[in-house]
PDB file of all heavy atoms in Angstrom:
ATOM      1  N   GLU A   1       7.985   4.260   7.636  1.00  0.00           N
ATOM      2  CA  GLU A   1       8.933   3.163   7.340  1.00  0.00           C
ATOM      3  C   GLU A   1       8.296   2.087   6.494  1.00  0.00           C
ATOM      4  O   GLU A   1       8.810   1.558   5.483  1.00  0.00           O
ATOM      5  CB  GLU A   1       9.531   2.570   8.539  1.00  0.00           C
ATOM      6  CG  GLU A   1      10.507   1.347   8.367  1.00  0.00           C
ATOM      7  CD  GLU A   1      11.026   0.802   9.640  1.00  0.00           C
ATOM      8  OE1 GLU A   1      10.640   1.231  10.754  1.00  0.00           O
ATOM      9  OE2 GLU A   1      11.774  -0.242   9.525  1.00  0.00           O
ATOM     10  N   LEU A   2       7.062   1.784   6.884  1.00  0.00           N
ATOM     11  CA  LEU A   2       6.349   0.710   6.141  1.00  0.00           C
ATOM     12  C   LEU A   2       6.017   1.159   4.781  1.00  0.00           C
ATOM     13  O   LEU A   2       6.171   0.463   3.799  1.00  0.00           O
ATOM     14  CB  LEU A   2       4.984   0.406   6.914  1.00  0.00           C
ATOM     15  CG  LEU A   2       4.045  -0.495   6.215  1.00  0.00           C
ATOM     16  CD1 LEU A   2       4.645  -1.890   5.922  1.00  0.00           C
ATOM     17  CD2 LEU A   2       2.754  -0.702   6.997  1.00  0.00           C
ATOM     18  N   LYS A   3       5.636   2.394   4.578  1.00  0.00           N
ATOM     19  CA  LYS A   3       5.282   2.936   3.230  1.00  0.00           C
ATOM     20  C   LYS A   3       6.557   2.981   2.389  1.00  0.00           C
ATOM     21  O   LYS A   3       6.446   2.710   1.189  1.00  0.00           O
ATOM     22  CB  LYS A   3       4.678   4.363   3.333  1.00  0.00           C
ATOM     23  CG  LYS A   3       4.166   4.850   2.008  1.00  0.00           C
ATOM     24  CD  LYS A   3       3.387   6.100   2.212  1.00  0.00           C
ATOM     25  CE  LYS A   3       2.742   6.597   0.957  1.00  0.00           C
ATOM     26  NZ  LYS A   3       1.931   7.832   1.129  1.00  0.00           N
ATOM     27  N   ALA A   4       7.656   3.325   2.916  1.00  0.00           N
ATOM     28  CA  ALA A   4       8.957   3.247   2.207  1.00  0.00           C
ATOM     29  C   ALA A   4       9.269   1.874   1.725  1.00  0.00           C
ATOM     30  O   ALA A   4       9.735   1.720   0.592  1.00  0.00           O
ATOM     31  CB  ALA A   4       9.981   3.973   3.057  1.00  0.00           C
ATOM     32  N   VAL A   5       9.160   0.931   2.618  1.00  0.00           N
ATOM     33  CA  VAL A   5       9.468  -0.432   2.261  1.00  0.00           C
ATOM     34  C   VAL A   5       8.579  -0.957   1.080  1.00  0.00           C
ATOM     35  O   VAL A   5       9.068  -1.500   0.123  1.00  0.00           O
ATOM     36  CB  VAL A   5       9.227  -1.451   3.446  1.00  0.00           C
ATOM     37  CG1 VAL A   5       9.354  -2.806   3.070  1.00  0.00           C
ATOM     38  CG2 VAL A   5      10.400  -1.067   4.451  1.00  0.00           C
ATOM     39  N   PHE A   6       7.284  -0.646   1.176  1.00  0.00           N
ATOM     40  CA  PHE A   6       6.434  -1.078   0.055  1.00  0.00           C
ATOM     41  C   PHE A   6       6.688  -0.289  -1.204  1.00  0.00           C
ATOM     42  O   PHE A   6       6.702  -0.930  -2.291  1.00  0.00           O
ATOM     43  CB  PHE A   6       4.905  -0.911   0.498  1.00  0.00           C
ATOM     44  CG  PHE A   6       4.408  -2.184   1.271  1.00  0.00           C
ATOM     45  CD1 PHE A   6       4.613  -2.306   2.576  1.00  0.00           C
ATOM     46  CD2 PHE A   6       3.775  -3.166   0.499  1.00  0.00           C
ATOM     47  CE1 PHE A   6       4.258  -3.537   3.188  1.00  0.00           C
ATOM     48  CE2 PHE A   6       3.268  -4.247   1.117  1.00  0.00           C
ATOM     49  CZ  PHE A   6       3.545  -4.429   2.518  1.00  0.00           C
ATOM     50  N   GLU A   7       6.877   0.878  -1.154  1.00  0.00           N
ATOM     51  CA  GLU A   7       7.100   1.712  -2.339  1.00  0.00           C
ATOM     52  C   GLU A   7       8.360   1.283  -3.056  1.00  0.00           C
ATOM     53  O   GLU A   7       8.437   1.238  -4.299  1.00  0.00           O
ATOM     54  CB  GLU A   7       7.088   3.210  -2.032  1.00  0.00           C
ATOM     55  CG  GLU A   7       5.714   3.774  -1.735  1.00  0.00           C
ATOM     56  CD  GLU A   7       4.756   3.765  -2.922  1.00  0.00           C
ATOM     57  OE1 GLU A   7       5.183   3.769  -4.062  1.00  0.00           O
ATOM     58  OE2 GLU A   7       3.559   3.652  -2.646  1.00  0.00           O
ATOM     59  N   GLU A   8       9.404   1.101  -2.234  1.00  0.00           N
ATOM     60  CA  GLU A   8      10.750   0.928  -2.803  1.00  0.00           C
ATOM     61  C   GLU A   8      11.056  -0.670  -3.131  1.00  0.00           C
ATOM     62  O   GLU A   8      11.823  -0.909  -4.047  1.00  0.00           O
ATOM     63  CB  GLU A   8      11.849   1.378  -1.832  1.00  0.00           C
ATOM     64  CG  GLU A   8      11.752   2.890  -1.611  1.00  0.00           C
ATOM     65  CD  GLU A   8      12.684   3.358  -0.489  1.00  0.00           C
ATOM     66  OE1 GLU A   8      13.620   2.500  -0.127  1.00  0.00           O
ATOM     67  OE2 GLU A   8      12.553   4.476  -0.010  1.00  0.00           O
ATOM     68  N   HIS A   9      10.393  -1.562  -2.476  1.00  0.00           N
ATOM     69  CA  HIS A   9      10.759  -2.960  -2.557  1.00  0.00           C
ATOM     70  C   HIS A   9       9.618  -3.880  -2.884  1.00  0.00           C
ATOM     71  O   HIS A   9       9.782  -4.762  -3.719  1.00  0.00           O
ATOM     72  CB  HIS A   9      11.486  -3.338  -1.229  1.00  0.00           C
ATOM     73  CG  HIS A   9      12.741  -2.642  -0.923  1.00  0.00           C
ATOM     74  ND1 HIS A   9      13.867  -2.741  -1.646  1.00  0.00           N
ATOM     75  CD2 HIS A   9      12.921  -1.652  -0.017  1.00  0.00           C
ATOM     76  CE1 HIS A   9      14.767  -1.908  -1.133  1.00  0.00           C
ATOM     77  NE2 HIS A   9      14.273  -1.299  -0.093  1.00  0.00           N
ATOM     78  N   LEU A  10       8.509  -3.780  -2.201  1.00  0.00           N
ATOM     79  CA  LEU A  10       7.478  -4.808  -2.182  1.00  0.00           C
ATOM     80  C   LEU A  10       6.342  -4.512  -3.251  1.00  0.00           C
ATOM     81  O   LEU A  10       5.671  -5.445  -3.690  1.00  0.00           O
ATOM     82  CB  LEU A  10       6.855  -4.998  -0.850  1.00  0.00           C
ATOM     83  CG  LEU A  10       7.805  -5.480   0.272  1.00  0.00           C
ATOM     84  CD1 LEU A  10       7.111  -5.710   1.552  1.00  0.00           C
ATOM     85  CD2 LEU A  10       8.593  -6.710  -0.197  1.00  0.00           C
ATOM     86  N   LYS A  11       6.182  -3.268  -3.626  1.00  0.00           N
ATOM     87  CA  LYS A  11       5.083  -3.000  -4.501  1.00  0.00           C
ATOM     88  C   LYS A  11       4.974  -3.829  -5.807  1.00  0.00           C
ATOM     89  O   LYS A  11       4.018  -4.340  -6.144  1.00  0.00           O
ATOM     90  CB  LYS A  11       5.054  -1.522  -4.807  1.00  0.00           C
ATOM     91  CG  LYS A  11       3.878  -1.012  -5.608  1.00  0.00           C
ATOM     92  CD  LYS A  11       3.923   0.465  -5.871  1.00  0.00           C
ATOM     93  CE  LYS A  11       2.787   0.971  -6.693  1.00  0.00           C
ATOM     94  NZ  LYS A  11       2.792   2.430  -6.920  1.00  0.00           N
ATOM     95  N   SER A  12       6.211  -3.923  -6.360  1.00  0.00           N
ATOM     96  CA  SER A  12       6.282  -4.738  -7.604  1.00  0.00           C
ATOM     97  C   SER A  12       6.048  -6.263  -7.408  1.00  0.00           C
ATOM     98  O   SER A  12       5.899  -6.964  -8.452  1.00  0.00           O
ATOM     99  CB  SER A  12       7.586  -4.425  -8.310  1.00  0.00           C
ATOM    100  OG  SER A  12       8.710  -4.892  -7.471  1.00  0.00           O
ATOM    101  N   ARG A  13       6.084  -6.626  -6.189  1.00  0.00           N
ATOM    102  CA  ARG A  13       6.027  -8.089  -5.922  1.00  0.00           C
ATOM    103  C   ARG A  13       4.638  -8.519  -5.502  1.00  0.00           C
ATOM    104  O   ARG A  13       4.372  -9.717  -5.364  1.00  0.00           O
ATOM    105  CB  ARG A  13       7.023  -8.488  -4.820  1.00  0.00           C
ATOM    106  CG  ARG A  13       8.514  -8.158  -5.110  1.00  0.00           C
ATOM    107  CD  ARG A  13       9.357  -8.618  -3.939  1.00  0.00           C
ATOM    108  NE  ARG A  13      10.764  -8.278  -4.225  1.00  0.00           N
ATOM    109  CZ  ARG A  13      11.785  -8.727  -3.367  1.00  0.00           C
ATOM    110  NH1 ARG A  13      11.485  -9.457  -2.342  1.00  0.00           N
ATOM    111  NH2 ARG A  13      13.019  -8.272  -3.654  1.00  0.00           N
ATOM    112  N   LEU A  14       3.775  -7.526  -5.218  1.00  0.00           N
ATOM    113  CA  LEU A  14       2.410  -7.924  -4.702  1.00  0.00           C
ATOM    114  C   LEU A  14       1.597  -8.597  -5.702  1.00  0.00           C
ATOM    115  O   LEU A  14       1.711  -8.310  -6.853  1.00  0.00           O
ATOM    116  CB  LEU A  14       1.733  -6.624  -4.193  1.00  0.00           C
ATOM    117  CG  LEU A  14       2.359  -5.942  -2.982  1.00  0.00           C
ATOM    118  CD1 LEU A  14       1.583  -4.635  -2.681  1.00  0.00           C
ATOM    119  CD2 LEU A  14       2.435  -6.803  -1.714  1.00  0.00           C
ATOM    120  N   MET A  15       0.744  -9.541  -5.226  1.00  0.00           N
ATOM    121  CA  MET A  15      -0.177 -10.230  -6.050  1.00  0.00           C
ATOM    122  C   MET A  15      -1.283  -9.179  -6.466  1.00  0.00           C
ATOM    123  O   MET A  15      -1.527  -8.227  -5.781  1.00  0.00           O
ATOM    124  CB  MET A  15      -0.728 -11.351  -5.363  1.00  0.00           C
ATOM    125  CG  MET A  15       0.282 -12.398  -4.894  1.00  0.00           C
ATOM    126  SD  MET A  15      -0.320 -13.653  -3.820  1.00  0.00           S
ATOM    127  CE  MET A  15      -1.208 -14.671  -5.002  1.00  0.00           C
ATOM    128  N   PRO A  16      -1.943  -9.417  -7.601  1.00  0.00           N
ATOM    129  CA  PRO A  16      -2.850  -8.434  -8.147  1.00  0.00           C
ATOM    130  C   PRO A  16      -3.948  -7.882  -7.183  1.00  0.00           C
ATOM    131  O   PRO A  16      -4.228  -6.736  -7.234  1.00  0.00           O
ATOM    132  CB  PRO A  16      -3.454  -9.083  -9.370  1.00  0.00           C
ATOM    133  CG  PRO A  16      -2.453 -10.039  -9.772  1.00  0.00           C
ATOM    134  CD  PRO A  16      -1.747 -10.567  -8.557  1.00  0.00           C
ATOM    135  N   SER A  17      -4.502  -8.743  -6.379  1.00  0.00           N
ATOM    136  CA  SER A  17      -5.575  -8.216  -5.431  1.00  0.00           C
ATOM    137  C   SER A  17      -5.017  -7.628  -4.238  1.00  0.00           C
ATOM    138  O   SER A  17      -5.741  -6.968  -3.565  1.00  0.00           O
ATOM    139  CB  SER A  17      -6.525  -9.434  -5.148  1.00  0.00           C
ATOM    140  OG  SER A  17      -5.890 -10.318  -4.355  1.00  0.00           O
ATOM    141  N   ASN A  18      -3.732  -7.819  -3.978  1.00  0.00           N
ATOM    142  CA  ASN A  18      -3.125  -7.284  -2.823  1.00  0.00           C
ATOM    143  C   ASN A  18      -2.665  -5.758  -3.026  1.00  0.00           C
ATOM    144  O   ASN A  18      -2.653  -4.970  -2.133  1.00  0.00           O
ATOM    145  CB  ASN A  18      -1.938  -8.094  -2.363  1.00  0.00           C
ATOM    146  CG  ASN A  18      -1.753  -8.105  -0.834  1.00  0.00           C
ATOM    147  OD1 ASN A  18      -0.670  -8.411  -0.369  1.00  0.00           O
ATOM    148  ND2 ASN A  18      -2.842  -7.814  -0.054  1.00  0.00           N
ATOM    149  N   LEU A  19      -2.362  -5.465  -4.298  1.00  0.00           N
ATOM    150  CA  LEU A  19      -1.780  -4.181  -4.637  1.00  0.00           C
ATOM    151  C   LEU A  19      -2.830  -3.075  -4.338  1.00  0.00           C
ATOM    152  O   LEU A  19      -2.440  -2.073  -3.656  1.00  0.00           O
ATOM    153  CB  LEU A  19      -1.411  -4.120  -6.129  1.00  0.00           C
ATOM    154  CG  LEU A  19      -0.834  -2.760  -6.613  1.00  0.00           C
ATOM    155  CD1 LEU A  19       0.363  -2.352  -5.758  1.00  0.00           C
ATOM    156  CD2 LEU A  19      -0.459  -2.878  -8.118  1.00  0.00           C
ATOM    157  N   PRO A  20      -4.093  -3.113  -4.790  1.00  0.00           N
ATOM    158  CA  PRO A  20      -4.972  -2.079  -4.440  1.00  0.00           C
ATOM    159  C   PRO A  20      -5.249  -1.860  -2.987  1.00  0.00           C
ATOM    160  O   PRO A  20      -5.538  -0.768  -2.527  1.00  0.00           O
ATOM    161  CB  PRO A  20      -6.254  -2.351  -5.273  1.00  0.00           C
ATOM    162  CG  PRO A  20      -6.127  -3.905  -5.596  1.00  0.00           C
ATOM    163  CD  PRO A  20      -4.648  -4.140  -5.715  1.00  0.00           C
ATOM    164  N   PHE A  21      -5.191  -3.056  -2.315  1.00  0.00           N
ATOM    165  CA  PHE A  21      -5.370  -2.950  -0.795  1.00  0.00           C
ATOM    166  C   PHE A  21      -4.323  -2.008  -0.214  1.00  0.00           C
ATOM    167  O   PHE A  21      -4.667  -1.116   0.579  1.00  0.00           O
ATOM    168  CB  PHE A  21      -5.371  -4.261  -0.126  1.00  0.00           C
ATOM    169  CG  PHE A  21      -5.290  -4.119   1.381  1.00  0.00           C
ATOM    170  CD1 PHE A  21      -6.299  -3.811   2.123  1.00  0.00           C
ATOM    171  CD2 PHE A  21      -4.078  -4.220   2.025  1.00  0.00           C
ATOM    172  CE1 PHE A  21      -6.324  -3.622   3.500  1.00  0.00           C
ATOM    173  CE2 PHE A  21      -3.982  -4.014   3.395  1.00  0.00           C
ATOM    174  CZ  PHE A  21      -5.010  -3.751   4.159  1.00  0.00           C
ATOM    175  N   TRP A  22      -3.065  -2.313  -0.466  1.00  0.00           N
ATOM    176  CA  TRP A  22      -2.050  -1.499   0.227  1.00  0.00           C
ATOM    177  C   TRP A  22      -1.977  -0.062  -0.288  1.00  0.00           C
ATOM    178  O   TRP A  22      -1.669   0.840   0.517  1.00  0.00           O
ATOM    179  CB  TRP A  22      -0.695  -2.187  -0.095  1.00  0.00           C
ATOM    180  CG  TRP A  22      -0.410  -3.362   0.868  1.00  0.00           C
ATOM    181  CD1 TRP A  22      -0.502  -4.698   0.581  1.00  0.00           C
ATOM    182  CD2 TRP A  22      -0.231  -3.223   2.264  1.00  0.00           C
ATOM    183  NE1 TRP A  22      -0.318  -5.426   1.702  1.00  0.00           N
ATOM    184  CE2 TRP A  22      -0.050  -4.573   2.779  1.00  0.00           C
ATOM    185  CE3 TRP A  22       0.020  -2.166   3.118  1.00  0.00           C
ATOM    186  CZ2 TRP A  22       0.131  -4.852   4.114  1.00  0.00           C
ATOM    187  CZ3 TRP A  22       0.210  -2.508   4.504  1.00  0.00           C
ATOM    188  CH2 TRP A  22       0.344  -3.832   4.960  1.00  0.00           C
ATOM    189  N   GLN A  23      -2.398   0.156  -1.566  1.00  0.00           N
ATOM    190  CA  GLN A  23      -2.432   1.571  -1.916  1.00  0.00           C
ATOM    191  C   GLN A  23      -3.495   2.265  -1.105  1.00  0.00           C
ATOM    192  O   GLN A  23      -3.349   3.432  -0.697  1.00  0.00           O
ATOM    193  CB  GLN A  23      -2.746   1.599  -3.476  1.00  0.00           C
ATOM    194  CG  GLN A  23      -1.610   1.169  -4.312  1.00  0.00           C
ATOM    195  CD  GLN A  23      -1.825   1.489  -5.805  1.00  0.00           C
ATOM    196  OE1 GLN A  23      -2.901   1.813  -6.207  1.00  0.00           O
ATOM    197  NE2 GLN A  23      -0.725   1.322  -6.617  1.00  0.00           N
ATOM    198  N   GLU A  24      -4.651   1.634  -0.890  1.00  0.00           N
ATOM    199  CA  GLU A  24      -5.632   2.317  -0.116  1.00  0.00           C
ATOM    200  C   GLU A  24      -5.424   2.224   1.356  1.00  0.00           C
ATOM    201  O   GLU A  24      -5.875   3.181   2.100  1.00  0.00           O
ATOM    202  CB  GLU A  24      -7.101   1.598  -0.451  1.00  0.00           C
ATOM    203  CG  GLU A  24      -8.187   2.381   0.223  1.00  0.00           C
ATOM    204  CD  GLU A  24      -9.406   2.344  -0.607  1.00  0.00           C
ATOM    205  OE1 GLU A  24      -9.373   2.481  -1.847  1.00  0.00           O
ATOM    206  OE2 GLU A  24     -10.553   2.286   0.019  1.00  0.00           O
ATOM    207  N   TYR A  25      -4.694   1.257   1.839  1.00  0.00           N
ATOM    208  CA  TYR A  25      -4.390   1.221   3.252  1.00  0.00           C
ATOM    209  C   TYR A  25      -3.654   2.490   3.754  1.00  0.00           C
ATOM    210  O   TYR A  25      -3.971   3.020   4.719  1.00  0.00           O
ATOM    211  CB  TYR A  25      -3.401   0.032   3.535  1.00  0.00           C
ATOM    212  CG  TYR A  25      -2.862  -0.057   4.975  1.00  0.00           C
ATOM    213  CD1 TYR A  25      -3.680  -0.477   6.018  1.00  0.00           C
ATOM    214  CD2 TYR A  25      -1.646   0.425   5.205  1.00  0.00           C
ATOM    215  CE1 TYR A  25      -3.188  -0.472   7.371  1.00  0.00           C
ATOM    216  CE2 TYR A  25      -1.084   0.448   6.460  1.00  0.00           C
ATOM    217  CZ  TYR A  25      -1.921  -0.038   7.520  1.00  0.00           C
ATOM    218  OH  TYR A  25      -1.424  -0.025   8.878  1.00  0.00           O
ATOM    219  N   PHE A  26      -2.639   2.914   2.877  1.00  0.00           N
ATOM    220  CA  PHE A  26      -1.937   4.138   3.298  1.00  0.00           C
ATOM    221  C   PHE A  26      -2.857   5.361   3.115  1.00  0.00           C
ATOM    222  O   PHE A  26      -2.727   6.314   3.925  1.00  0.00           O
ATOM    223  CB  PHE A  26      -0.690   4.307   2.392  1.00  0.00           C
ATOM    224  CG  PHE A  26       0.322   3.240   2.599  1.00  0.00           C
ATOM    225  CD1 PHE A  26       0.636   2.283   1.604  1.00  0.00           C
ATOM    226  CD2 PHE A  26       0.946   3.152   3.867  1.00  0.00           C
ATOM    227  CE1 PHE A  26       1.591   1.355   1.867  1.00  0.00           C
ATOM    228  CE2 PHE A  26       1.903   2.125   4.111  1.00  0.00           C
ATOM    229  CZ  PHE A  26       2.147   1.212   3.068  1.00  0.00           C
ATOM    230  N   SER A  27      -3.869   5.264   2.206  1.00  0.00           N
ATOM    231  CA  SER A  27      -4.795   6.382   2.161  1.00  0.00           C
ATOM    232  C   SER A  27      -5.729   6.476   3.414  1.00  0.00           C
ATOM    233  O   SER A  27      -5.971   7.507   3.937  1.00  0.00           O
ATOM    234  CB  SER A  27      -5.651   6.199   0.932  1.00  0.00           C
ATOM    235  OG  SER A  27      -6.670   7.197   0.803  1.00  0.00           O
ATOM    236  N   ILE A  28      -6.113   5.260   3.860  1.00  0.00           N
ATOM    237  CA  ILE A  28      -6.949   5.216   5.022  1.00  0.00           C
ATOM    238  C   ILE A  28      -6.140   5.746   6.322  1.00  0.00           C
ATOM    239  O   ILE A  28      -6.623   6.448   7.185  1.00  0.00           O
ATOM    240  CB  ILE A  28      -7.471   3.750   5.294  1.00  0.00           C
ATOM    241  CG1 ILE A  28      -8.388   3.427   4.212  1.00  0.00           C
ATOM    242  CG2 ILE A  28      -8.182   3.684   6.647  1.00  0.00           C
ATOM    243  CD1 ILE A  28      -8.788   1.865   4.176  1.00  0.00           C
ATOM    244  N   ALA A  29      -4.865   5.293   6.346  1.00  0.00           N
ATOM    245  CA  ALA A  29      -3.985   5.683   7.472  1.00  0.00           C
ATOM    246  C   ALA A  29      -3.818   7.244   7.544  1.00  0.00           C
ATOM    247  O   ALA A  29      -3.567   7.813   8.553  1.00  0.00           O
ATOM    248  CB  ALA A  29      -2.660   4.992   7.344  1.00  0.00           C
ATOM    249  N   GLU A  30      -3.947   7.801   6.355  1.00  0.00           N
ATOM    250  CA  GLU A  30      -3.883   9.322   6.257  1.00  0.00           C
ATOM    251  C   GLU A  30      -5.154  10.079   6.631  1.00  0.00           C
ATOM    252  O   GLU A  30      -5.239  11.293   6.534  1.00  0.00           O
ATOM    253  CB  GLU A  30      -3.324   9.756   4.952  1.00  0.00           C
ATOM    254  CG  GLU A  30      -1.904   9.315   4.687  1.00  0.00           C
ATOM    255  CD  GLU A  30      -1.526   9.508   3.198  1.00  0.00           C
ATOM    256  OE1 GLU A  30      -2.383   9.885   2.432  1.00  0.00           O
ATOM    257  OE2 GLU A  30      -0.343   9.191   2.922  1.00  0.00           O
ATOM    258  N   GLY A  31      -6.191   9.266   6.907  1.00  0.00           N
ATOM    259  CA  GLY A  31      -7.453   9.879   7.308  1.00  0.00           C
ATOM    260  C   GLY A  31      -8.577   9.792   6.245  1.00  0.00           C
ATOM    261  O   GLY A  31      -9.648  10.314   6.507  1.00  0.00           O
ATOM    262  N   LYS A  32      -8.324   9.229   5.121  1.00  0.00           N
ATOM    263  CA  LYS A  32      -9.371   9.185   4.100  1.00  0.00           C
ATOM    264  C   LYS A  32     -10.258   8.015   4.299  1.00  0.00           C
ATOM    265  O   LYS A  32      -9.858   7.046   4.903  1.00  0.00           O
ATOM    266  CB  LYS A  32      -8.668   9.122   2.676  1.00  0.00           C
ATOM    267  CG  LYS A  32      -7.830  10.331   2.382  1.00  0.00           C
ATOM    268  CD  LYS A  32      -7.250  10.229   1.034  1.00  0.00           C
ATOM    269  CE  LYS A  32      -6.333  11.460   0.779  1.00  0.00           C
ATOM    270  NZ  LYS A  32      -5.715  11.367  -0.623  1.00  0.00           N
ATOM    271  N   LYS A  33     -11.493   7.985   3.744  1.00  0.00           N
ATOM    272  CA  LYS A  33     -12.432   6.897   3.921  1.00  0.00           C
ATOM    273  C   LYS A  33     -12.072   5.802   2.980  1.00  0.00           C
ATOM    274  O   LYS A  33     -11.615   5.973   1.872  1.00  0.00           O
ATOM    275  CB  LYS A  33     -13.839   7.387   3.662  1.00  0.00           C
ATOM    276  CG  LYS A  33     -14.425   8.328   4.636  1.00  0.00           C
ATOM    277  CD  LYS A  33     -15.758   8.701   4.375  1.00  0.00           C
ATOM    278  CE  LYS A  33     -16.379   9.554   5.588  1.00  0.00           C
ATOM    279  NZ  LYS A  33     -17.842   9.873   5.322  1.00  0.00           N
ATOM    280  N   ARG A  34     -12.419   4.526   3.440  1.00  0.00           N
ATOM    281  CA  ARG A  34     -12.152   3.395   2.713  1.00  0.00           C
ATOM    282  C   ARG A  34     -13.152   3.327   1.527  1.00  0.00           C
ATOM    283  O   ARG A  34     -14.301   3.527   1.670  1.00  0.00           O
ATOM    284  CB  ARG A  34     -12.279   2.135   3.630  1.00  0.00           C
ATOM    285  CG  ARG A  34     -12.249   0.784   2.817  1.00  0.00           C
ATOM    286  CD  ARG A  34     -12.304  -0.362   3.785  1.00  0.00           C
ATOM    287  NE  ARG A  34     -12.324  -1.616   3.049  1.00  0.00           N
ATOM    288  CZ  ARG A  34     -11.628  -2.689   3.466  1.00  0.00           C
ATOM    289  NH1 ARG A  34     -10.937  -2.691   4.565  1.00  0.00           N
ATOM    290  NH2 ARG A  34     -11.719  -3.908   2.808  1.00  0.00           N
TER     291      ARG A  34
END
C-alpha cells in the first residue's frame, strides 16, 4: 500500500534528497543491501 501511494501520488512531490531515499527504502524492504 505504501509503495502504491508513493508511486502513484507522492513520488513527483518529493524533495530532491528524499526521492533517492524512498526508491532505495523499497529496495531494502525487499531484502537488498543499503
